[in-house]
Protein backbone atom coordinates (compact mmCIF):
# COMPACT_ATOMS: atom_id res chain seq x y z
CA MET A 1 83.86 -34.78 -43.15
CA SER A 2 86.28 -32.59 -40.64
CA ARG A 3 87.52 -28.87 -42.29
CA ALA A 4 91.15 -30.58 -42.56
CA ASP A 5 89.47 -32.71 -45.38
CA ALA A 6 87.73 -30.23 -47.25
CA THR A 7 88.71 -29.55 -50.75
CA ALA A 8 89.54 -26.08 -52.80
CA THR A 9 86.05 -26.14 -53.84
CA ASP A 10 84.67 -26.99 -50.48
CA LEU A 11 86.56 -23.83 -48.62
CA ARG A 12 85.04 -20.44 -47.90
CA SER A 13 86.66 -17.45 -49.21
CA MET A 14 88.37 -14.85 -47.67
CA HIS A 15 90.81 -11.66 -48.62
CA PHE A 16 94.33 -10.99 -46.58
CA VAL A 17 95.85 -7.75 -47.29
CA MET A 18 99.30 -7.54 -45.63
CA PRO A 19 102.74 -5.57 -45.83
CA GLY A 20 104.60 -6.00 -48.92
CA GLY A 21 107.81 -6.98 -47.15
CA VAL A 22 105.78 -9.97 -45.26
CA ALA A 23 107.57 -12.78 -47.27
CA ASP A 24 111.02 -11.07 -47.30
CA PRO A 25 113.81 -13.26 -45.25
CA ALA A 26 115.74 -10.20 -45.12
CA ALA A 27 113.22 -8.50 -42.69
CA PRO A 28 111.63 -11.01 -40.43
CA SER A 29 109.27 -10.32 -37.83
CA GLY A 30 107.01 -11.71 -35.37
CA GLY A 31 104.03 -10.50 -37.40
CA ASN A 32 104.92 -11.35 -40.50
CA THR A 33 105.48 -14.52 -39.12
CA TYR A 34 102.00 -14.53 -38.11
CA ASP A 35 100.77 -13.41 -41.21
CA ARG A 36 102.37 -16.45 -43.11
CA ARG A 37 101.08 -18.82 -40.99
CA VAL A 38 98.00 -17.82 -41.15
CA CYS A 39 97.79 -17.84 -45.13
CA ARG A 40 99.27 -21.36 -44.52
CA ASP A 41 96.95 -22.86 -41.90
CA LEU A 42 93.63 -21.36 -42.61
CA PRO A 43 92.71 -24.01 -45.32
CA GLY A 44 92.75 -26.41 -42.93
CA ALA A 45 90.24 -24.93 -40.81
CA GLY A 46 87.89 -24.24 -43.80
CA TRP A 47 89.01 -21.25 -45.82
CA GLN A 48 90.81 -20.17 -48.69
CA VAL A 49 92.85 -17.48 -48.48
CA HIS A 50 93.75 -15.01 -51.28
CA GLU A 51 96.72 -13.08 -50.65
CA HIS A 52 97.19 -9.06 -51.32
CA ALA A 53 100.60 -8.13 -50.30
CA VAL A 54 100.57 -4.23 -50.13
CA ALA A 55 104.33 -2.55 -50.64
CA GLY A 56 104.91 0.54 -48.87
CA THR A 57 106.84 2.25 -46.23
CA TRP A 58 103.56 0.99 -43.42
CA PRO A 59 102.30 2.90 -41.68
CA GLN A 60 103.74 5.90 -43.39
CA PRO A 61 102.92 4.89 -46.90
CA ASP A 62 103.42 6.94 -49.98
CA PRO A 63 100.68 7.87 -52.55
CA GLU A 64 101.69 5.16 -54.84
CA ALA A 65 101.11 2.72 -51.54
CA ARG A 66 98.03 4.26 -50.62
CA ALA A 67 96.73 4.08 -54.22
CA GLU A 68 97.82 0.31 -54.08
CA LEU A 69 95.95 -0.58 -51.29
CA ALA A 70 92.83 1.37 -52.55
CA ARG A 71 92.90 -1.00 -55.63
CA ALA A 72 93.03 -3.59 -53.31
CA LEU A 73 89.63 -3.19 -51.41
CA ALA A 74 87.54 -1.59 -54.31
CA GLU A 75 88.48 -4.45 -56.69
CA ARG A 76 86.91 -6.85 -53.90
CA PRO A 77 83.26 -7.59 -54.50
CA ASP A 78 80.71 -6.48 -52.40
CA GLY A 79 80.26 -8.85 -49.21
CA SER A 80 83.52 -10.07 -49.77
CA VAL A 81 85.32 -11.13 -46.27
CA VAL A 82 88.67 -9.03 -46.13
CA LEU A 83 91.06 -8.98 -42.93
CA LEU A 84 94.04 -6.40 -43.23
CA ASP A 85 97.11 -6.35 -41.15
CA GLY A 86 96.64 -3.41 -38.97
CA LEU A 87 100.05 -2.25 -40.07
CA VAL A 88 98.52 -1.63 -43.33
CA ALA A 89 94.59 -0.38 -42.38
CA CYS A 90 95.36 1.65 -39.02
CA ALA A 91 96.62 4.53 -40.18
CA VAL A 92 94.52 5.10 -43.11
CA PRO A 93 90.94 5.25 -42.11
CA TYR A 94 90.28 7.48 -45.12
CA ILE A 95 90.98 4.41 -47.11
CA VAL A 96 89.33 1.54 -44.62
CA VAL A 97 86.68 3.51 -43.43
CA PRO A 98 84.58 3.95 -46.54
CA GLU A 99 84.80 0.49 -47.52
CA ALA A 100 83.42 -0.97 -44.26
CA GLN A 101 80.09 -0.26 -45.55
CA ARG A 102 80.20 -2.87 -48.41
CA LEU A 103 83.05 -5.07 -47.16
CA ARG A 104 83.07 -7.49 -44.25
CA LEU A 105 86.51 -6.16 -42.86
CA ALA A 106 88.41 -7.17 -39.91
CA VAL A 107 91.59 -5.51 -39.06
CA LEU A 108 94.52 -7.77 -37.07
CA VAL A 109 96.67 -5.39 -34.86
CA HIS A 110 100.10 -7.15 -33.96
CA LEU A 111 100.91 -3.83 -32.32
CA PRO A 112 99.42 -0.45 -31.60
CA LEU A 113 100.55 1.94 -33.84
CA GLY A 114 101.54 4.63 -31.33
CA ASP A 115 103.25 1.95 -29.07
CA GLU A 116 106.07 1.82 -31.37
CA THR A 117 109.60 3.48 -29.62
CA GLY A 118 111.09 6.22 -30.45
CA LEU A 119 107.93 8.31 -31.76
CA THR A 120 107.56 11.83 -31.28
CA PRO A 121 104.32 12.54 -28.36
CA GLY A 122 102.52 14.53 -31.71
CA ARG A 123 103.17 11.65 -33.89
CA ALA A 124 102.24 8.74 -31.45
CA ALA A 125 98.98 10.86 -30.92
CA ASP A 126 97.85 11.17 -34.73
CA LEU A 127 98.79 7.52 -35.11
CA ASP A 128 96.67 6.49 -32.30
CA ALA A 129 93.98 9.10 -33.44
CA LEU A 130 93.70 7.48 -37.04
CA GLU A 131 93.88 3.78 -35.81
CA ARG A 132 90.90 4.40 -33.27
CA LYS A 133 89.15 5.82 -36.51
CA THR A 134 89.77 2.69 -38.24
CA LEU A 135 89.15 0.08 -35.57
CA ARG A 136 85.60 1.54 -34.37
CA ALA A 137 84.35 1.59 -38.27
CA VAL A 138 85.16 -2.18 -38.73
CA PRO A 139 83.13 -4.87 -37.43
CA ALA A 140 86.19 -7.11 -36.23
CA VAL A 141 89.42 -6.93 -34.38
CA VAL A 142 91.59 -9.09 -33.64
CA ALA A 143 94.28 -8.63 -31.18
CA THR A 144 97.21 -11.47 -30.61
CA SER A 145 96.70 -11.74 -26.64
CA ASP A 146 94.57 -11.52 -24.07
CA TRP A 147 96.28 -8.47 -22.90
CA ALA A 148 95.89 -6.90 -26.02
CA ALA A 149 92.42 -7.41 -26.79
CA ARG A 150 91.85 -5.79 -23.28
CA ARG A 151 94.04 -2.92 -24.04
CA LEU A 152 92.22 -2.14 -27.76
CA VAL A 153 89.08 -2.14 -25.68
CA ALA A 154 89.89 0.65 -23.35
CA HIS A 155 92.20 2.76 -25.13
CA HIS A 156 90.40 3.21 -28.20
CA GLY A 157 86.70 2.26 -26.82
CA LEU A 158 85.40 -0.54 -28.85
CA ALA A 159 82.75 -2.80 -28.11
CA PRO A 160 84.23 -6.14 -26.65
CA ALA A 161 82.06 -8.31 -28.47
CA ARG A 162 83.84 -6.79 -31.49
CA VAL A 163 87.51 -7.63 -30.36
CA HIS A 164 88.64 -11.37 -30.71
CA VAL A 165 91.92 -13.33 -29.32
CA ALA A 166 93.65 -15.28 -31.73
CA ALA A 167 97.21 -15.79 -29.86
CA PRO A 168 99.87 -16.89 -32.01
CA GLY A 169 100.84 -20.98 -32.06
CA ALA A 170 104.30 -22.90 -31.29
CA ASP A 171 105.48 -25.78 -33.53
CA PRO A 172 107.08 -28.40 -31.79
CA ALA A 173 110.57 -28.48 -31.74
CA PRO A 174 113.46 -30.69 -30.54
CA LEU A 175 114.49 -30.16 -26.70
CA ALA A 176 117.71 -27.49 -27.28
CA PRO A 177 120.83 -29.32 -25.88
CA GLY A 178 122.42 -25.69 -25.00
CA THR A 179 125.93 -25.48 -24.91
CA ASP A 180 127.11 -25.75 -21.02
CA GLY A 181 123.53 -25.27 -19.51
CA ALA A 182 124.18 -21.56 -18.47
CA SER A 183 126.27 -19.52 -20.08
CA ARG A 184 124.89 -18.92 -24.09
CA LEU A 185 122.14 -16.49 -23.94
CA LEU A 186 120.03 -15.76 -27.11
CA CYS A 187 118.23 -12.63 -27.96
CA VAL A 188 115.68 -13.32 -31.26
CA ALA A 189 114.53 -9.91 -32.12
CA SER A 190 114.41 -7.34 -34.86
CA VAL A 191 117.19 -4.85 -33.67
CA THR A 192 115.42 -1.54 -32.79
CA PRO A 193 114.81 0.93 -29.80
CA ARG A 194 111.48 -1.14 -28.87
CA LYS A 195 113.40 -3.99 -28.52
CA GLY A 196 115.67 -2.75 -26.16
CA GLN A 197 119.09 -4.30 -26.98
CA HIS A 198 120.92 -1.51 -25.53
CA LEU A 199 119.57 -2.21 -22.02
CA LEU A 200 120.44 -6.22 -21.97
CA VAL A 201 123.95 -5.06 -23.46
CA GLU A 202 124.17 -2.67 -20.58
CA ALA A 203 123.44 -5.24 -17.51
CA LEU A 204 125.61 -7.93 -19.41
CA ALA A 205 128.39 -5.22 -19.05
CA GLU A 206 127.51 -5.34 -15.18
CA VAL A 207 128.26 -9.31 -14.65
CA ALA A 208 131.08 -9.30 -17.34
CA ASP A 209 133.12 -11.04 -14.64
CA LEU A 210 131.03 -14.45 -15.67
CA PRO A 211 131.26 -16.24 -18.20
CA TRP A 212 128.93 -16.00 -20.79
CA SER A 213 128.35 -14.99 -24.55
CA LEU A 214 125.23 -13.75 -26.30
CA LEU A 215 124.27 -14.09 -29.89
CA CYS A 216 121.42 -11.36 -31.03
CA VAL A 217 119.01 -12.44 -34.36
CA GLY A 218 117.09 -10.12 -35.85
CA GLY A 219 116.39 -7.77 -38.55
CA LEU A 220 118.74 -4.91 -39.16
CA GLY A 221 117.17 -2.95 -41.70
CA GLN A 222 114.34 -0.89 -39.58
CA ASP A 223 116.60 1.68 -37.79
CA PRO A 224 120.20 1.43 -39.02
CA ASP A 225 121.27 4.00 -36.77
CA TYR A 226 120.08 1.91 -33.71
CA VAL A 227 122.15 -1.01 -35.11
CA THR A 228 125.29 1.89 -35.26
CA ARG A 229 124.69 2.54 -31.90
CA LEU A 230 124.30 -0.86 -30.24
CA ARG A 231 127.40 -1.62 -32.07
CA GLU A 232 129.25 1.14 -30.44
CA LEU A 233 127.51 0.11 -27.19
CA VAL A 234 129.37 -3.30 -27.46
CA ASP A 235 132.99 -1.66 -28.10
CA GLU A 236 132.41 0.84 -25.13
CA HIS A 237 131.88 -1.84 -23.06
CA GLY A 238 134.58 -4.26 -24.40
CA LEU A 239 132.43 -6.76 -24.68
CA GLY A 240 133.13 -7.45 -29.14
CA ASP A 241 134.17 -10.95 -28.36
CA ARG A 242 131.06 -11.73 -26.45
CA VAL A 243 128.27 -10.48 -28.27
CA ARG A 244 127.63 -11.24 -31.88
CA ILE A 245 124.73 -9.23 -33.57
CA ALA A 246 124.36 -11.56 -36.45
CA GLY A 247 121.22 -9.89 -38.03
CA PRO A 248 118.19 -12.01 -39.71
CA ARG A 249 118.47 -16.10 -39.20
CA ALA A 250 115.96 -18.62 -40.93
CA GLY A 251 115.39 -21.92 -41.02
CA ALA A 252 117.98 -24.36 -40.32
CA GLU A 253 120.31 -21.66 -39.42
CA LEU A 254 117.76 -19.99 -36.72
CA ASP A 255 117.60 -23.80 -34.96
CA ALA A 256 120.68 -23.98 -34.52
CA GLY A 257 120.68 -20.71 -32.74
CA TYR A 258 117.87 -21.96 -30.70
CA ALA A 259 119.63 -25.32 -30.07
CA ALA A 260 123.11 -23.97 -28.69
CA ALA A 261 120.89 -21.56 -26.43
CA ASP A 262 120.86 -21.92 -22.44
CA LEU A 263 118.61 -18.92 -21.84
CA LEU A 264 116.62 -16.84 -24.24
CA VAL A 265 116.35 -12.99 -23.41
CA LEU A 266 114.01 -10.53 -24.42
CA THR A 267 114.49 -6.66 -22.76
CA SER A 268 111.58 -5.07 -24.79
CA TYR A 269 109.77 -1.87 -23.89
CA ALA A 270 106.66 -3.21 -25.73
CA GLU A 271 105.22 -6.52 -26.83
CA THR A 272 101.39 -7.57 -27.66
CA TYR A 273 102.62 -10.92 -27.14
CA GLY A 274 106.64 -12.33 -27.70
CA MET A 275 106.23 -14.85 -30.13
CA VAL A 276 110.08 -15.60 -29.50
CA VAL A 277 108.98 -16.56 -25.73
CA THR A 278 106.98 -19.78 -27.03
CA GLU A 279 109.35 -20.77 -29.83
CA ALA A 280 112.22 -20.97 -26.86
CA LEU A 281 109.85 -23.01 -24.32
CA ALA A 282 108.90 -25.02 -27.54
CA ARG A 283 112.78 -26.19 -27.06
CA GLY A 284 112.72 -26.41 -23.43
CA ILE A 285 115.10 -23.20 -23.27
CA PRO A 286 113.71 -21.07 -20.18
CA VAL A 287 113.32 -16.88 -20.46
CA LEU A 288 114.16 -14.15 -18.90
CA ALA A 289 112.12 -11.15 -20.17
CA THR A 290 110.79 -7.90 -19.49
CA ALA A 291 107.14 -8.04 -18.31
CA VAL A 292 105.30 -6.02 -20.75
CA GLY A 293 102.60 -6.70 -22.42
CA GLY A 294 101.40 -10.04 -23.36
CA VAL A 295 105.06 -11.77 -22.56
CA PRO A 296 103.89 -12.69 -19.22
CA GLU A 297 101.27 -14.50 -21.08
CA ALA A 298 103.19 -16.04 -23.51
CA LEU A 299 105.49 -17.34 -20.74
CA GLY A 300 102.75 -18.93 -18.67
CA ARG A 301 103.07 -21.78 -16.23
CA ALA A 302 104.41 -25.44 -16.34
CA PRO A 303 101.14 -27.69 -15.45
CA ASP A 304 102.63 -27.82 -11.89
CA GLY A 305 102.51 -24.10 -12.02
CA GLY A 306 106.04 -23.61 -12.13
CA LEU A 307 107.21 -20.84 -14.02
CA PRO A 308 109.40 -21.00 -16.87
CA GLY A 309 111.48 -17.93 -16.96
CA VAL A 310 112.19 -15.00 -14.90
CA LEU A 311 110.17 -11.39 -15.57
CA VAL A 312 111.65 -7.96 -14.58
CA PRO A 313 110.18 -4.67 -14.73
CA PRO A 314 110.74 -3.08 -18.19
CA ARG A 315 114.03 -0.11 -17.83
CA ASP A 316 114.63 -1.85 -14.50
CA HIS A 317 118.54 -1.95 -14.89
CA ALA A 318 119.14 -3.27 -11.68
CA ALA A 319 116.47 -5.89 -11.74
CA LEU A 320 118.06 -7.27 -14.92
CA VAL A 321 121.41 -7.11 -13.42
CA GLU A 322 120.41 -9.30 -10.82
CA ALA A 323 118.27 -11.64 -12.82
CA LEU A 324 120.95 -12.56 -15.21
CA ARG A 325 123.61 -12.78 -12.21
CA GLY A 326 120.98 -15.15 -10.61
CA TRP A 327 121.30 -17.54 -13.71
CA LEU A 328 124.57 -17.29 -14.31
CA VAL A 329 125.80 -18.43 -10.88
CA GLY A 330 122.50 -20.12 -9.78
CA PRO A 331 122.75 -24.14 -10.67
CA GLY A 332 119.51 -24.72 -8.42
CA VAL A 333 117.50 -21.33 -10.28
CA ARG A 334 118.71 -22.78 -13.68
CA GLY A 335 117.66 -26.59 -12.92
CA ARG A 336 114.05 -25.30 -11.64
CA LEU A 337 113.54 -22.75 -14.77
CA LYS A 338 114.72 -25.64 -17.11
CA ALA A 339 112.29 -28.07 -15.51
CA ALA A 340 109.38 -25.79 -15.86
CA ALA A 341 110.40 -25.00 -19.06
CA ARG A 342 110.37 -28.57 -20.47
CA GLY A 343 106.87 -28.58 -18.78
CA ARG A 344 105.47 -25.80 -20.31
CA ARG A 345 106.24 -26.79 -23.68
CA ALA A 346 104.31 -30.05 -23.61
CA ALA A 347 101.23 -27.59 -22.90
CA LEU A 348 101.85 -25.21 -25.95
CA ASP A 349 99.02 -24.55 -28.08
CA GLY A 350 100.09 -25.24 -31.92
CA TRP A 351 99.47 -22.96 -35.09
CA GLU A 352 96.11 -24.98 -35.64
CA ASN A 353 94.32 -23.33 -32.26
CA THR A 354 95.33 -20.06 -33.86
CA ALA A 355 93.95 -20.64 -37.45
CA ARG A 356 90.64 -22.27 -35.69
CA ARG A 357 90.22 -19.34 -34.00
CA MET A 358 90.61 -17.41 -36.80
CA ALA A 359 88.20 -19.11 -38.74
CA ASP A 360 85.51 -18.56 -35.87
CA VAL A 361 85.95 -14.74 -36.54
CA LEU A 362 86.07 -14.91 -40.04
CA GLU A 363 82.72 -17.14 -40.19
CA GLN A 364 80.93 -14.87 -37.32
CA LEU A 365 81.97 -11.86 -40.04
CA ARG A 366 80.53 -13.73 -42.84
CA CYS A 367 77.54 -14.59 -41.34
CA GLU A 368 76.83 -11.28 -39.77
CA PRO A 369 74.27 -8.85 -41.43
CA ARG A 370 75.47 -6.13 -43.85
CA ARG A 371 75.61 -2.72 -42.04
CA ALA A 372 73.34 -0.07 -43.86
CA ALA A 373 75.23 2.32 -46.17
């Protein structure tokens, strides 16, 4: 019998501790999507998932949130396999580390805490130190890209054998018909400084002589001041009729945004993978993105070696403007990128591969000898 055919009574048991907002449609994020898919797909890979959503403003929890996390771990029987989202676990080693002696803990790192944009140097260093204590204490760490795994090993001094990769998958999707083949730009990302939408608006102002429109889709609640500044920047450049900041979208509404898109644009300062890149490629949509973190890994290449997008250095205004203009005025460029995007579409891994990789990590964790107290 295959894992997929196993009944609930045949499944191994694991506990997944996640941020409380993981299922909130008003606060979509790549991390939340990843967590939900792990919960949904792990049973097909042989594991029953017990979900524990811990409310709080992670990674800066109040006393109630810290107490809730401590209870969630304390109530698990000795030897339980527990996967913790790094947003919840990494800033509170004083809660997590003592439990590492009796529980089989793994931490899933979506983004190193100190990499968040907008932190003061002191706060970033504090989060970095807390994260290091947590990750060094647990027997398994899961990263979402090869790049992220290498960085965690090098930055925190982790044993490479303890750091595993379970990259996000991509669901099959119909080819996007687009609009006119060039002018409809789509940015799917939470509206925060780390995602760099202001860089995109500044660059688009330089190509205002060309036909284009931009739809920005993503949560607006993480940094309201940044959202306000972004709207003001749009108005300053006279782009209010061309740039739409639409807020979060999901389901059919998000699918419609992708279907109308000719090009996905992502101008992040930091990404461990960049799930929206593969979501666009799954629809045959080329990508223009900053070459940060795991984004080049997500972009990949078509089977014939063609690049399904353009990568520009982060914070390089001139390179971003040049890439946008090259796309908008170059039918040959667009044709080449679209062909490569369709080739890459056929080679993308699905979420079942993510679940299998995660299941392998959990099985190794389950079978490891318990640590001495």
